[in-house]
Structure formats: C-alpha cells, structure tokens
C-alpha cells in the first residue's frame, strides 16, 4: 500500500511561482516513474511532467521551459517547480505513483493563477 500526499498549491498572480511537493509513503524504489498530472474544470486529467525509465524527464509542451520536476529519493518525494505561471495553469494538480502494476494517486492540490 502506498500513500501519496501532495502539497504546495495556492493562489498566485500570473507570472508568479509555486513549488509543489509529492510525498509517497511506502516501499518505493528510487527509480519509480512518479509524475505530476493536472485537471482543470471540465477537462480531462493531463500529464504535466514525469520521470521516465532511465531517470529522464518528460514535460507536456505547454509547460516546457517554465516547470521543472525533481526528486529526492531519500525522502520518496517529487517536486514540481512552476515558474511564469499563467491563468491556464489553473487546475488541481495530482501526483501519480505507479508501482507493481497499481497506480496510486494523491488527493491533489489546487493551483489557481489569477490574471
């Protein structure tokens, strides 16, 4: 069993920054392909950024150059540094932890960007 807890969301003006954290509690290997997704009202959940096999990273086009995913394996924690935020980044941000054929999600953290 894995518990996933996101934090760090909030209200920020356009152009501002936020840093999200995702802590995963359980027996998780250091090369787990954890990632961040988001879901805006009325839209499907979409990938924002994730680690891939080989510890490379993957970003959706709309956040490239603005968002950075990083990890602290000792803490089983993944971060998402979000800079130059735009109103269209407003969404609930979720952390995904795939492990042994099961996908674990957190409850999400709300990010609201005002214009």
PDB file of N, CA and C in Angstrom:
ATOM      1  N   UNK A   1       0.840  -1.193   0.000  1.00  0.00           N
ATOM      2  CA  UNK A   1       0.000   0.000   0.000  1.00  0.00           C
ATOM      3  C   UNK A   1       0.877   1.245   0.000  1.00  0.00           C
ATOM      4  N   UNK A   2       0.475   2.228  -0.772  1.00  0.00           N
ATOM      5  CA  UNK A   2       1.242   3.468  -0.883  1.00  0.00           C
ATOM      6  C   UNK A   2       0.310   4.645  -0.605  1.00  0.00           C
ATOM      7  N   UNK A   3       0.750   5.540   0.209  1.00  0.00           N
ATOM      8  CA  UNK A   3       0.015   6.784   0.467  1.00  0.00           C
ATOM      9  C   UNK A   3       0.722   7.923  -0.241  1.00  0.00           C
ATOM     10  N   UNK A   4      -0.039   8.691  -1.002  1.00  0.00           N
ATOM     11  CA  UNK A   4       0.531   9.792  -1.781  1.00  0.00           C
ATOM     12  C   UNK A   4      -0.086  11.098  -1.287  1.00  0.00           C
ATOM     13  N   UNK A   5       0.757  12.048  -0.940  1.00  0.00           N
ATOM     14  CA  UNK A   5       0.269  13.308  -0.386  1.00  0.00           C
ATOM     15  C   UNK A   5       0.910  14.478  -1.120  1.00  0.00           C
ATOM     16  N   UNK A   6       0.066  15.283  -1.750  1.00  0.00           N
ATOM     17  CA  UNK A   6       0.555  16.484  -2.436  1.00  0.00           C
ATOM     18  C   UNK A   6       0.386  17.708  -1.540  1.00  0.00           C
ATOM     19  N   UNK A   7       1.250  18.693  -1.754  1.00  0.00           N
ATOM     20  CA  UNK A   7       1.140  19.955  -1.024  1.00  0.00           C
ATOM     21  C   UNK A   7       1.792  21.064  -1.843  1.00  0.00           C
ATOM     22  N   UNK A   8       1.539  22.295  -1.413  1.00  0.00           N
ATOM     23  CA  UNK A   8       2.210  23.432  -2.036  1.00  0.00           C
ATOM     24  C   UNK A   8       1.357  24.270  -2.961  1.00  0.00           C
ATOM     25  N   UNK A   9       0.119  23.860  -3.195  1.00  0.00           N
ATOM     26  CA  UNK A   9      -0.734  24.645  -4.072  1.00  0.00           C
ATOM     27  C   UNK A   9      -1.165  25.940  -3.412  1.00  0.00           C
ATOM     28  N   UNK A  10      -1.842  26.771  -4.194  1.00  0.00           N
ATOM     29  CA  UNK A  10      -2.316  28.035  -3.650  1.00  0.00           C
ATOM     30  C   UNK A  10      -2.759  28.979  -4.741  1.00  0.00           C
ATOM     31  N   UNK A  11      -2.980  30.222  -4.338  1.00  0.00           N
ATOM     32  CA  UNK A  11      -3.389  31.278  -5.259  1.00  0.00           C
ATOM     33  C   UNK A  11      -2.195  32.176  -5.547  1.00  0.00           C
ATOM     34  N   UNK A  12      -1.933  32.409  -6.820  1.00  0.00           N
ATOM     35  CA  UNK A  12      -0.786  33.218  -7.217  1.00  0.00           C
ATOM     36  C   UNK A  12      -1.171  34.055  -8.426  1.00  0.00           C
ATOM     37  N   UNK A  13      -0.542  35.199  -8.561  1.00  0.00           N
ATOM     38  CA  UNK A  13      -0.790  36.037  -9.734  1.00  0.00           C
ATOM     39  C   UNK A  13      -0.032  35.515 -10.941  1.00  0.00           C
ATOM     40  N   UNK A  14      -0.519  35.842 -12.099  1.00  0.00           N
ATOM     41  CA  UNK A  14       0.171  35.456 -13.330  1.00  0.00           C
ATOM     42  C   UNK A  14       1.611  35.965 -13.293  1.00  0.00           C
ATOM     43  N   UNK A  15       2.520  35.105 -13.718  1.00  0.00           N
ATOM     44  CA  UNK A  15       3.935  35.438 -13.674  1.00  0.00           C
ATOM     45  C   UNK A  15       4.631  34.970 -12.407  1.00  0.00           C
ATOM     46  N   UNK A  16       3.857  34.540 -11.437  1.00  0.00           N
ATOM     47  CA  UNK A  16       4.420  34.090 -10.174  1.00  0.00           C
ATOM     48  C   UNK A  16       4.886  32.647 -10.221  1.00  0.00           C
ATOM     49  N   UNK A  17       5.301  32.169  -9.045  1.00  0.00           N
ATOM     50  CA  UNK A  17       5.866  30.820  -8.933  1.00  0.00           C
ATOM     51  C   UNK A  17       5.254  30.075  -7.765  1.00  0.00           C
ATOM     52  N   UNK A  18       5.245  28.778  -7.894  1.00  0.00           N
ATOM     53  CA  UNK A  18       4.858  27.870  -6.811  1.00  0.00           C
ATOM     54  C   UNK A  18       5.729  26.627  -6.904  1.00  0.00           C
ATOM     55  N   UNK A  19       5.909  25.986  -5.764  1.00  0.00           N
ATOM     56  CA  UNK A  19       6.631  24.712  -5.732  1.00  0.00           C
ATOM     57  C   UNK A  19       5.734  23.673  -5.085  1.00  0.00           C
ATOM     58  N   UNK A  20       5.379  22.657  -5.847  1.00  0.00           N
ATOM     59  CA  UNK A  20       4.561  21.572  -5.341  1.00  0.00           C
ATOM     60  C   UNK A  20       5.453  20.436  -4.853  1.00  0.00           C
ATOM     61  N   UNK A  21       4.968  19.745  -3.832  1.00  0.00           N
ATOM     62  CA  UNK A  21       5.672  18.583  -3.312  1.00  0.00           C
ATOM     63  C   UNK A  21       4.730  17.387  -3.316  1.00  0.00           C
ATOM     64  N   UNK A  22       5.307  16.231  -3.575  1.00  0.00           N
ATOM     65  CA  UNK A  22       4.556  14.977  -3.536  1.00  0.00           C
ATOM     66  C   UNK A  22       5.360  13.988  -2.718  1.00  0.00           C
ATOM     67  N   UNK A  23       4.831  13.614  -1.572  1.00  0.00           N
ATOM     68  CA  UNK A  23       5.482  12.636  -0.711  1.00  0.00           C
ATOM     69  C   UNK A  23       4.760  11.308  -0.839  1.00  0.00           C
ATOM     70  N   UNK A  24       5.528  10.265  -1.096  1.00  0.00           N
ATOM     71  CA  UNK A  24       4.967   8.926  -1.227  1.00  0.00           C
ATOM     72  C   UNK A  24       5.452   8.078  -0.064  1.00  0.00           C
ATOM     73  N   UNK A  25       4.507   7.492   0.658  1.00  0.00           N
ATOM     74  CA  UNK A  25       4.823   6.710   1.837  1.00  0.00           C
ATOM     75  C   UNK A  25       4.591   5.239   1.524  1.00  0.00           C
ATOM     76  N   UNK A  26       5.661   4.453   1.636  1.00  0.00           N
ATOM     77  CA  UNK A  26       5.586   3.030   1.339  1.00  0.00           C
ATOM     78  C   UNK A  26       6.925   2.556   0.807  1.00  0.00           C
ATOM     79  N   UNK A  27       6.961   1.306   0.357  1.00  0.00           N
ATOM     80  CA  UNK A  27       8.200   0.749  -0.177  1.00  0.00           C
ATOM     81  C   UNK A  27       8.274   1.061  -1.665  1.00  0.00           C
ATOM     82  N   UNK A  28       9.005   2.118  -1.994  1.00  0.00           N
ATOM     83  CA  UNK A  28       9.045   2.616  -3.367  1.00  0.00           C
ATOM     84  C   UNK A  28      10.490   2.653  -3.846  1.00  0.00           C
ATOM     85  N   UNK A  29      10.776   2.018  -4.980  1.00  0.00           N
ATOM     86  CA  UNK A  29      12.151   2.056  -5.487  1.00  0.00           C
ATOM     87  C   UNK A  29      12.538   3.450  -5.946  1.00  0.00           C
ATOM     88  N   UNK A  30      13.816   3.717  -5.903  1.00  0.00           N
ATOM     89  CA  UNK A  30      14.294   5.045  -6.240  1.00  0.00           C
ATOM     90  C   UNK A  30      14.094   5.429  -7.684  1.00  0.00           C
ATOM     91  N   UNK A  31      13.903   4.463  -8.579  1.00  0.00           N
ATOM     92  CA  UNK A  31      13.745   4.791  -9.990  1.00  0.00           C
ATOM     93  C   UNK A  31      12.274   4.784 -10.408  1.00  0.00           C
ATOM     94  N   UNK A  32      11.390   4.906  -9.429  1.00  0.00           N
ATOM     95  CA  UNK A  32       9.971   4.923  -9.766  1.00  0.00           C
ATOM     96  C   UNK A  32       9.636   6.106 -10.666  1.00  0.00           C
ATOM     97  N   UNK A  33       8.791   5.868 -11.658  1.00  0.00           N
ATOM     98  CA  UNK A  33       8.454   6.912 -12.623  1.00  0.00           C
ATOM     99  C   UNK A  33       7.289   7.752 -12.133  1.00  0.00           C
ATOM    100  N   UNK A  34       7.492   8.407 -11.009  1.00  0.00           N
ATOM    101  CA  UNK A  34       6.471   9.294 -10.468  1.00  0.00           C
ATOM    102  C   UNK A  34       6.288  10.493 -11.378  1.00  0.00           C
ATOM    103  N   UNK A  35       5.094  11.065 -11.315  1.00  0.00           N
ATOM    104  CA  UNK A  35       4.842  12.210 -12.167  1.00  0.00           C
ATOM    105  C   UNK A  35       3.716  13.078 -11.678  1.00  0.00           C
ATOM    106  N   UNK A  36       3.578  14.225 -12.306  1.00  0.00           N
ATOM    107  CA  UNK A  36       2.544  15.197 -11.991  1.00  0.00           C
ATOM    108  C   UNK A  36       1.536  15.291 -13.135  1.00  0.00           C
ATOM    109  N   UNK A  37       0.282  15.303 -12.760  1.00  0.00           N
ATOM    110  CA  UNK A  37      -0.815  15.489 -13.694  1.00  0.00           C
ATOM    111  C   UNK A  37      -1.658  16.652 -13.181  1.00  0.00           C
ATOM    112  N   UNK A  38      -2.522  17.154 -14.044  1.00  0.00           N
ATOM    113  CA  UNK A  38      -3.440  18.215 -13.607  1.00  0.00           C
ATOM    114  C   UNK A  38      -4.778  18.054 -14.297  1.00  0.00           C
ATOM    115  N   UNK A  39      -5.796  18.575 -13.631  1.00  0.00           N
ATOM    116  CA  UNK A  39      -7.136  18.523 -14.189  1.00  0.00           C
ATOM    117  C   UNK A  39      -7.834  19.848 -13.937  1.00  0.00           C
ATOM    118  N   UNK A  40      -8.159  20.529 -15.015  1.00  0.00           N
ATOM    119  CA  UNK A  40      -8.901  21.780 -14.936  1.00  0.00           C
ATOM    120  C   UNK A  40     -10.391  21.484 -15.004  1.00  0.00           C
ATOM    121  N   UNK A  41     -11.232  22.374 -14.509  1.00  0.00           N
ATOM    122  CA  UNK A  41     -12.681  22.136 -14.548  1.00  0.00           C
ATOM    123  C   UNK A  41     -13.172  21.857 -15.961  1.00  0.00           C
ATOM    124  N   UNK A  42     -13.924  20.774 -16.107  1.00  0.00           N
ATOM    125  CA  UNK A  42     -14.494  20.426 -17.403  1.00  0.00           C
ATOM    126  C   UNK A  42     -13.529  19.796 -18.379  1.00  0.00           C
ATOM    127  N   UNK A  43     -12.310  19.537 -17.925  1.00  0.00           N
ATOM    128  CA  UNK A  43     -11.307  18.947 -18.814  1.00  0.00           C
ATOM    129  C   UNK A  43     -10.807  17.621 -18.261  1.00  0.00           C
ATOM    130  N   UNK A  44     -10.177  16.847 -19.141  1.00  0.00           N
ATOM    131  CA  UNK A  44      -9.603  15.580 -18.719  1.00  0.00           C
ATOM    132  C   UNK A  44      -8.278  15.810 -17.994  1.00  0.00           C
ATOM    133  N   UNK A  45      -7.938  14.861 -17.157  1.00  0.00           N
ATOM    134  CA  UNK A  45      -6.649  14.920 -16.476  1.00  0.00           C
ATOM    135  C   UNK A  45      -5.544  14.751 -17.513  1.00  0.00           C
ATOM    136  N   UNK A  46      -4.504  15.563 -17.402  1.00  0.00           N
ATOM    137  CA  UNK A  46      -3.418  15.511 -18.386  1.00  0.00           C
ATOM    138  C   UNK A  46      -2.066  15.451 -17.686  1.00  0.00           C
ATOM    139  N   UNK A  47      -1.123  14.863 -18.390  1.00  0.00           N
ATOM    140  CA  UNK A  47       0.246  14.812 -17.894  1.00  0.00           C
ATOM    141  C   UNK A  47       0.849  16.210 -17.907  1.00  0.00           C
ATOM    142  N   UNK A  48       1.553  16.550 -16.826  1.00  0.00           N
ATOM    143  CA  UNK A  48       2.302  17.795 -16.772  1.00  0.00           C
ATOM    144  C   UNK A  48       3.793  17.497 -16.911  1.00  0.00           C
ATOM    145  N   UNK A  49       4.279  16.634 -16.042  1.00  0.00           N
ATOM    146  CA  UNK A  49       5.703  16.283 -16.059  1.00  0.00           C
ATOM    147  C   UNK A  49       5.884  14.969 -15.330  1.00  0.00           C
ATOM    148  N   UNK A  50       6.848  14.180 -15.771  1.00  0.00           N
ATOM    149  CA  UNK A  50       7.100  12.914 -15.101  1.00  0.00           C
ATOM    150  C   UNK A  50       8.531  12.464 -15.330  1.00  0.00           C
ATOM    151  N   UNK A  51       8.946  11.547 -14.493  1.00  0.00           N
ATOM    152  CA  UNK A  51      10.195  10.840 -14.721  1.00  0.00           C
ATOM    153  C   UNK A  51       9.873   9.633 -15.595  1.00  0.00           C
ATOM    154  N   UNK A  52      10.864   9.248 -16.384  1.00  0.00           N
ATOM    155  CA  UNK A  52      10.721   8.063 -17.213  1.00  0.00           C
ATOM    156  C   UNK A  52      11.833   7.084 -16.846  1.00  0.00           C
ATOM    157  N   UNK A  53      11.791   5.896 -17.442  1.00  0.00           N
ATOM    158  CA  UNK A  53      12.854   4.923 -17.183  1.00  0.00           C
ATOM    159  C   UNK A  53      14.203   5.527 -17.569  1.00  0.00           C
ATOM    160  N   UNK A  54      15.189   5.299 -16.778  1.00  0.00           N
ATOM    161  CA  UNK A  54      16.485   5.904 -17.022  1.00  0.00           C
ATOM    162  C   UNK A  54      16.620   7.249 -16.370  1.00  0.00           C
ATOM    163  N   UNK A  55      15.584   7.623 -15.575  1.00  0.00           N
ATOM    164  CA  UNK A  55      15.608   8.865 -14.799  1.00  0.00           C
ATOM    165  C   UNK A  55      15.640  10.108 -15.673  1.00  0.00           C
ATOM    166  N   UNK A  56      15.151   9.992 -16.892  1.00  0.00           N
ATOM    167  CA  UNK A  56      14.973  11.190 -17.707  1.00  0.00           C
ATOM    168  C   UNK A  56      13.621  11.798 -17.373  1.00  0.00           C
ATOM    169  N   UNK A  57      13.361  12.961 -17.907  1.00  0.00           N
ATOM    170  CA  UNK A  57      12.117  13.660 -17.605  1.00  0.00           C
ATOM    171  C   UNK A  57      11.328  13.929 -18.869  1.00  0.00           C
ATOM    172  N   UNK A  58      10.028  14.094 -18.669  1.00  0.00           N
ATOM    173  CA  UNK A  58       9.110  14.315 -19.777  1.00  0.00           C
ATOM    174  C   UNK A  58       8.145  15.420 -19.373  1.00  0.00           C
ATOM    175  N   UNK A  59       7.947  16.390 -20.275  1.00  0.00           N
ATOM    176  CA  UNK A  59       7.058  17.521 -19.999  1.00  0.00           C
ATOM    177  C   UNK A  59       6.045  17.688 -21.123  1.00  0.00           C
ATOM    178  N   UNK A  60       4.851  18.114 -20.756  1.00  0.00           N
ATOM    179  CA  UNK A  60       3.918  18.498 -21.792  1.00  0.00           C
ATOM    180  C   UNK A  60       4.385  19.821 -22.391  1.00  0.00           C
ATOM    181  N   UNK A  61       4.077  20.021 -23.659  1.00  0.00           N
ATOM    182  CA  UNK A  61       4.639  21.177 -24.378  1.00  0.00           C
ATOM    183  C   UNK A  61       4.318  22.514 -23.709  1.00  0.00           C
ATOM    184  N   UNK A  62       3.144  22.637 -23.151  1.00  0.00           N
ATOM    185  CA  UNK A  62       2.710  23.933 -22.636  1.00  0.00           C
ATOM    186  C   UNK A  62       3.479  24.392 -21.397  1.00  0.00           C
ATOM    187  N   UNK A  63       4.234  23.484 -20.769  1.00  0.00           N
ATOM    188  CA  UNK A  63       4.969  23.871 -19.560  1.00  0.00           C
ATOM    189  C   UNK A  63       6.478  23.827 -19.750  1.00  0.00           C
ATOM    190  N   UNK A  64       6.930  23.386 -20.905  1.00  0.00           N
ATOM    191  CA  UNK A  64       8.370  23.307 -21.146  1.00  0.00           C
ATOM    192  C   UNK A  64       9.020  24.683 -21.006  1.00  0.00           C
ATOM    193  N   UNK A  65      10.126  24.708 -20.283  1.00  0.00           N
ATOM    194  CA  UNK A  65      10.824  25.963 -20.052  1.00  0.00           C
ATOM    195  C   UNK A  65      10.306  26.737 -18.853  1.00  0.00           C
ATOM    196  N   UNK A  66       9.179  26.333 -18.313  1.00  0.00           N
ATOM    197  CA  UNK A  66       8.595  27.025 -17.156  1.00  0.00           C
ATOM    198  C   UNK A  66       8.544  26.140 -15.909  1.00  0.00           C
ATOM    199  N   UNK A  67       8.290  24.865 -16.096  1.00  0.00           N
ATOM    200  CA  UNK A  67       8.160  23.931 -14.978  1.00  0.00           C
ATOM    201  C   UNK A  67       9.377  23.003 -14.949  1.00  0.00           C
ATOM    202  N   UNK A  68       9.752  22.592 -13.744  1.00  0.00           N
ATOM    203  CA  UNK A  68      10.852  21.647 -13.576  1.00  0.00           C
ATOM    204  C   UNK A  68      10.467  20.596 -12.543  1.00  0.00           C
ATOM    205  N   UNK A  69      10.585  19.338 -12.932  1.00  0.00           N
ATOM    206  CA  UNK A  69      10.332  18.242 -11.995  1.00  0.00           C
ATOM    207  C   UNK A  69      11.665  17.768 -11.428  1.00  0.00           C
ATOM    208  N   UNK A  70      11.664  17.480 -10.138  1.00  0.00           N
ATOM    209  CA  UNK A  70      12.882  16.985  -9.493  1.00  0.00           C
ATOM    210  C   UNK A  70      12.474  15.999  -8.406  1.00  0.00           C
ATOM    211  N   UNK A  71      13.454  15.318  -7.830  1.00  0.00           N
ATOM    212  CA  UNK A  71      13.117  14.307  -6.821  1.00  0.00           C
ATOM    213  C   UNK A  71      14.191  14.215  -5.773  1.00  0.00           C
ATOM    214  N   UNK A  72      13.767  13.767  -4.618  1.00  0.00           N
ATOM    215  CA  UNK A  72      14.676  13.427  -3.521  1.00  0.00           C
ATOM    216  C   UNK A  72      14.372  11.980  -3.169  1.00  0.00           C
ATOM    217  N   UNK A  73      15.188  11.062  -3.656  1.00  0.00           N
ATOM    218  CA  UNK A  73      14.909   9.637  -3.467  1.00  0.00           C
ATOM    219  C   UNK A  73      14.940   9.235  -1.997  1.00  0.00           C
ATOM    220  N   UNK A  74      15.786   9.860  -1.230  1.00  0.00           N
ATOM    221  CA  UNK A  74      15.880   9.522   0.186  1.00  0.00           C
ATOM    222  C   UNK A  74      14.574   9.812   0.924  1.00  0.00           C
ATOM    223  N   UNK A  75      13.821  10.772   0.418  1.00  0.00           N
ATOM    224  CA  UNK A  75      12.563  11.167   1.043  1.00  0.00           C
ATOM    225  C   UNK A  75      11.347  10.665   0.268  1.00  0.00           C
ATOM    226  N   UNK A  76      11.573   9.913  -0.809  1.00  0.00           N
ATOM    227  CA  UNK A  76      10.452   9.480  -1.670  1.00  0.00           C
ATOM    228  C   UNK A  76       9.559  10.664  -2.023  1.00  0.00           C
ATOM    229  N   UNK A  77      10.187  11.749  -2.393  1.00  0.00           N
ATOM    230  CA  UNK A  77       9.457  12.979  -2.666  1.00  0.00           C
ATOM    231  C   UNK A  77       9.816  13.503  -4.054  1.00  0.00           C
ATOM    232  N   UNK A  78       8.789  13.947  -4.746  1.00  0.00           N
ATOM    233  CA  UNK A  78       8.965  14.557  -6.059  1.00  0.00           C
ATOM    234  C   UNK A  78       8.444  15.987  -5.986  1.00  0.00           C
ATOM    235  N   UNK A  79       9.148  16.883  -6.623  1.00  0.00           N
ATOM    236  CA  UNK A  79       8.781  18.292  -6.606  1.00  0.00           C
ATOM    237  C   UNK A  79       8.425  18.769  -8.010  1.00  0.00           C
ATOM    238  N   UNK A  80       7.632  19.813  -8.059  1.00  0.00           N
ATOM    239  CA  UNK A  80       7.341  20.479  -9.322  1.00  0.00           C
ATOM    240  C   UNK A  80       7.497  21.975  -9.102  1.00  0.00           C
ATOM    241  N   UNK A  81       8.581  22.512  -9.621  1.00  0.00           N
ATOM    242  CA  UNK A  81       8.804  23.954  -9.555  1.00  0.00           C
ATOM    243  C   UNK A  81       8.118  24.586 -10.744  1.00  0.00           C
ATOM    244  N   UNK A  82       7.192  25.492 -10.459  1.00  0.00           N
ATOM    245  CA  UNK A  82       6.403  26.117 -11.515  1.00  0.00           C
ATOM    246  C   UNK A  82       6.691  27.615 -11.526  1.00  0.00           C
ATOM    247  N   UNK A  83       7.266  28.085 -12.614  1.00  0.00           N
ATOM    248  CA  UNK A  83       7.583  29.495 -12.781  1.00  0.00           C
ATOM    249  C   UNK A  83       6.765  30.090 -13.923  1.00  0.00           C
ATOM    250  N   UNK A  84       6.713  31.400 -13.965  1.00  0.00           N
ATOM    251  CA  UNK A  84       5.988  32.111 -15.029  1.00  0.00           C
ATOM    252  C   UNK A  84       4.584  31.539 -15.210  1.00  0.00           C
ATOM    253  N   UNK A  85       3.891  31.390 -14.107  1.00  0.00           N
ATOM    254  CA  UNK A  85       2.564  30.773 -14.145  1.00  0.00           C
ATOM    255  C   UNK A  85       1.578  31.616 -14.943  1.00  0.00           C
ATOM    256  N   UNK A  86       0.678  30.914 -15.612  1.00  0.00           N
ATOM    257  CA  UNK A  86      -0.346  31.544 -16.440  1.00  0.00           C
ATOM    258  C   UNK A  86      -1.730  31.143 -15.928  1.00  0.00           C
ATOM    259  N   UNK A  87      -2.743  31.935 -16.211  1.00  0.00           N
ATOM    260  CA  UNK A  87      -4.100  31.560 -15.781  1.00  0.00           C
ATOM    261  C   UNK A  87      -4.504  30.181 -16.288  1.00  0.00           C
ATOM    262  N   UNK A  88      -4.024  29.789 -17.452  1.00  0.00           N
ATOM    263  CA  UNK A  88      -4.382  28.469 -17.989  1.00  0.00           C
ATOM    264  C   UNK A  88      -3.712  27.324 -17.252  1.00  0.00           C
ATOM    265  N   UNK A  89      -2.824  27.626 -16.328  1.00  0.00           N
ATOM    266  CA  UNK A  89      -2.237  26.593 -15.479  1.00  0.00           C
ATOM    267  C   UNK A  89      -3.141  26.256 -14.294  1.00  0.00           C
ATOM    268  N   UNK A  90      -4.213  27.005 -14.137  1.00  0.00           N
ATOM    269  CA  UNK A  90      -5.145  26.754 -13.034  1.00  0.00           C
ATOM    270  C   UNK A  90      -5.749  25.368 -13.153  1.00  0.00           C
ATOM    271  N   UNK A  91      -5.615  24.586 -12.097  1.00  0.00           N
ATOM    272  CA  UNK A  91      -6.100  23.202 -12.098  1.00  0.00           C
ATOM    273  C   UNK A  91      -5.828  22.586 -10.728  1.00  0.00           C
ATOM    274  N   UNK A  92      -6.371  21.403 -10.550  1.00  0.00           N
ATOM    275  CA  UNK A  92      -5.955  20.572  -9.415  1.00  0.00           C
ATOM    276  C   UNK A  92      -4.790  19.720  -9.908  1.00  0.00           C
ATOM    277  N   UNK A  93      -3.703  19.759  -9.175  1.00  0.00           N
ATOM    278  CA  UNK A  93      -2.503  19.023  -9.552  1.00  0.00           C
ATOM    279  C   UNK A  93      -2.407  17.744  -8.718  1.00  0.00           C
ATOM    280  N   UNK A  94      -2.221  16.637  -9.426  1.00  0.00           N
ATOM    281  CA  UNK A  94      -2.170  15.330  -8.789  1.00  0.00           C
ATOM    282  C   UNK A  94      -0.803  14.684  -9.011  1.00  0.00           C
ATOM    283  N   UNK A  95      -0.403  13.903  -8.039  1.00  0.00           N
ATOM    284  CA  UNK A  95       0.823  13.124  -8.156  1.00  0.00           C
ATOM    285  C   UNK A  95       0.457  11.671  -8.421  1.00  0.00           C
ATOM    286  N   UNK A  96       1.143  11.081  -9.373  1.00  0.00           N
ATOM    287  CA  UNK A  96       0.899   9.685  -9.757  1.00  0.00           C
ATOM    288  C   UNK A  96       2.112   8.843  -9.404  1.00  0.00           C
ATOM    289  N   UNK A  97       1.848   7.731  -8.741  1.00  0.00           N
ATOM    290  CA  UNK A  97       2.915   6.798  -8.376  1.00  0.00           C
ATOM    291  C   UNK A  97       2.535   5.413  -8.876  1.00  0.00           C
ATOM    292  N   UNK A  98       3.137   4.970  -9.981  1.00  0.00           N
ATOM    293  CA  UNK A  98       2.869   3.621 -10.463  1.00  0.00           C
ATOM    294  C   UNK A  98       3.817   2.633  -9.790  1.00  0.00           C
ATOM    295  N   UNK A  99       3.263   1.530  -9.297  1.00  0.00           N
ATOM    296  CA  UNK A  99       4.099   0.584  -8.568  1.00  0.00           C
ATOM    297  C   UNK A  99       3.510  -0.806  -8.674  1.00  0.00           C
ATOM    298  N   UNK A 100       4.299  -1.706  -9.273  1.00  0.00           N
ATOM    299  CA  UNK A 100       3.919  -3.129  -9.368  1.00  0.00           C
ATOM    300  C   UNK A 100       2.530  -3.305  -9.963  1.00  0.00           C
ATOM    301  N   UNK A 101       2.271  -2.599 -11.042  1.00  0.00           N
ATOM    302  CA  UNK A 101       1.023  -2.759 -11.762  1.00  0.00           C
ATOM    303  C   UNK A 101      -0.151  -1.995 -11.186  1.00  0.00           C
ATOM    304  N   UNK A 102       0.060  -1.266 -10.110  1.00  0.00           N
ATOM    305  CA  UNK A 102      -1.006  -0.471  -9.499  1.00  0.00           C
ATOM    306  C   UNK A 102      -0.617   1.001  -9.580  1.00  0.00           C
ATOM    307  N   UNK A 103      -1.602   1.834  -9.876  1.00  0.00           N
ATOM    308  CA  UNK A 103      -1.354   3.274  -9.926  1.00  0.00           C
ATOM    309  C   UNK A 103      -1.971   3.934  -8.704  1.00  0.00           C
ATOM    310  N   UNK A 104      -1.152   4.643  -7.970  1.00  0.00           N
ATOM    311  CA  UNK A 104      -1.611   5.347  -6.775  1.00  0.00           C
ATOM    312  C   UNK A 104      -1.664   6.839  -7.077  1.00  0.00           C
ATOM    313  N   UNK A 105      -2.738   7.476  -6.622  1.00  0.00           N
ATOM    314  CA  UNK A 105      -2.912   8.913  -6.790  1.00  0.00           C
ATOM    315  C   UNK A 105      -3.093   9.578  -5.425  1.00  0.00           C
ATOM    316  N   UNK A 106      -2.650  10.805  -5.341  1.00  0.00           N
ATOM    317  CA  UNK A 106      -2.974  11.603  -4.176  1.00  0.00           C
ATOM    318  C   UNK A 106      -4.325  12.280  -4.367  1.00  0.00           C
ATOM    319  N   UNK A 107      -4.714  13.061  -3.365  1.00  0.00           N
ATOM    320  CA  UNK A 107      -5.995  13.764  -3.443  1.00  0.00           C
ATOM    321  C   UNK A 107      -5.906  15.069  -4.222  1.00  0.00           C
ATOM    322  N   UNK A 108      -4.689  15.487  -4.514  1.00  0.00           N
ATOM    323  CA  UNK A 108      -4.497  16.681  -5.326  1.00  0.00           C
ATOM    324  C   UNK A 108      -4.313  17.947  -4.516  1.00  0.00           C
ATOM    325  N   UNK A 109      -3.743  18.943  -5.169  1.00  0.00           N
ATOM    326  CA  UNK A 109      -3.566  20.254  -4.554  1.00  0.00           C
ATOM    327  C   UNK A 109      -3.979  21.313  -5.577  1.00  0.00           C
ATOM    328  N   UNK A 110      -4.779  22.269  -5.145  1.00  0.00           N
ATOM    329  CA  UNK A 110      -5.343  23.265  -6.054  1.00  0.00           C
ATOM    330  C   UNK A 110      -4.327  24.366  -6.340  1.00  0.00           C
ATOM    331  N   UNK A 111      -4.163  24.652  -7.623  1.00  0.00           N
ATOM    332  CA  UNK A 111      -3.346  25.781  -8.064  1.00  0.00           C
ATOM    333  C   UNK A 111      -4.259  26.739  -8.828  1.00  0.00           C
ATOM    334  N   UNK A 112      -4.317  27.967  -8.373  1.00  0.00           N
ATOM    335  CA  UNK A 112      -5.134  28.979  -9.026  1.00  0.00           C
ATOM    336  C   UNK A 112      -4.258  30.163  -9.399  1.00  0.00           C
ATOM    337  N   UNK A 113      -4.262  30.511 -10.681  1.00  0.00           N
ATOM    338  CA  UNK A 113      -3.447  31.613 -11.175  1.00  0.00           C
ATOM    339  C   UNK A 113      -4.383  32.723 -11.644  1.00  0.00           C
ATOM    340  N   UNK A 114      -4.284  33.869 -11.006  1.00  0.00           N
ATOM    341  CA  UNK A 114      -5.146  34.999 -11.366  1.00  0.00           C
ATOM    342  C   UNK A 114      -4.472  35.880 -12.409  1.00  0.00           C
ATOM    343  N   UNK A 115      -5.274  36.471 -13.261  1.00  0.00           N
ATOM    344  CA  UNK A 115      -4.723  37.320 -14.323  1.00  0.00           C
ATOM    345  C   UNK A 115      -4.575  38.757 -13.863  1.00  0.00           C
TER     346      UNK A 115
END
